[in-house]
Amino acid sequence: IMDKSDTFQCSVITPERVVLDTPATFVAFPAHDGEVGILPHRAPLVYKLGIGQLRVETAEDTHSYYIDGGFAQMVNNRLVILAEQAKKVTEIQPAAAEKALAEARSMPGTDTKSQDAKEQAVRRAKTQLKLARQST
C-alpha cells in the first residue's frame, strides 16, 4: 500500500481539455534539452517542453502520451503540464504518422523559416511513429 506522501498530483492540460489528473509516483517528460524525471517532493521548477513521450507512473498503471511543446511546472508537490498537444500513445495510428512524415519530408525548405518548419514537422512525425510502433 502506498502512502499518500509517496505521490504527487500530476495534471496534463491542453488548450482543449484536461487530459489527465492523477496522483503519480514518477513522471518523465521531454524538456527542450532532454528528458526530465520528477519524483514526489521535488523542488519547484519550470521547464519548457519539447517533443516526445510523457510517462506518468501511478500506483496502478503507466500512462504514456505524445506531447508537443508547452511548459511543465512543479510546485507544492503538484506537477502541471501545459502542452500544445497530448495524445495517448495507443491512439497514434502508425499509418497516419507515416503519412505525416512523408508530407513533412516533402515540405519545401527554401529559406531558414521554412527549413525550420520542415525539420520540426519531420521530428514530430518521426517521434509519433516511433511511439506508435513501441506501443503495438
Foldseek 3Di string as FASTA:
>chain_A
DDDLQQWFWEWEAAPVGTPDTDTFNKKWFAFPVGIDIDGFPDDWDKTWGAWAWIWTHHPVDIWIWTFHTDMWIADPRYIYGYTNDIGGLCPQDLVVLVVQLVVLVPFDPPDPVSVVVSVRSNVNSVRSNVSNVVVD
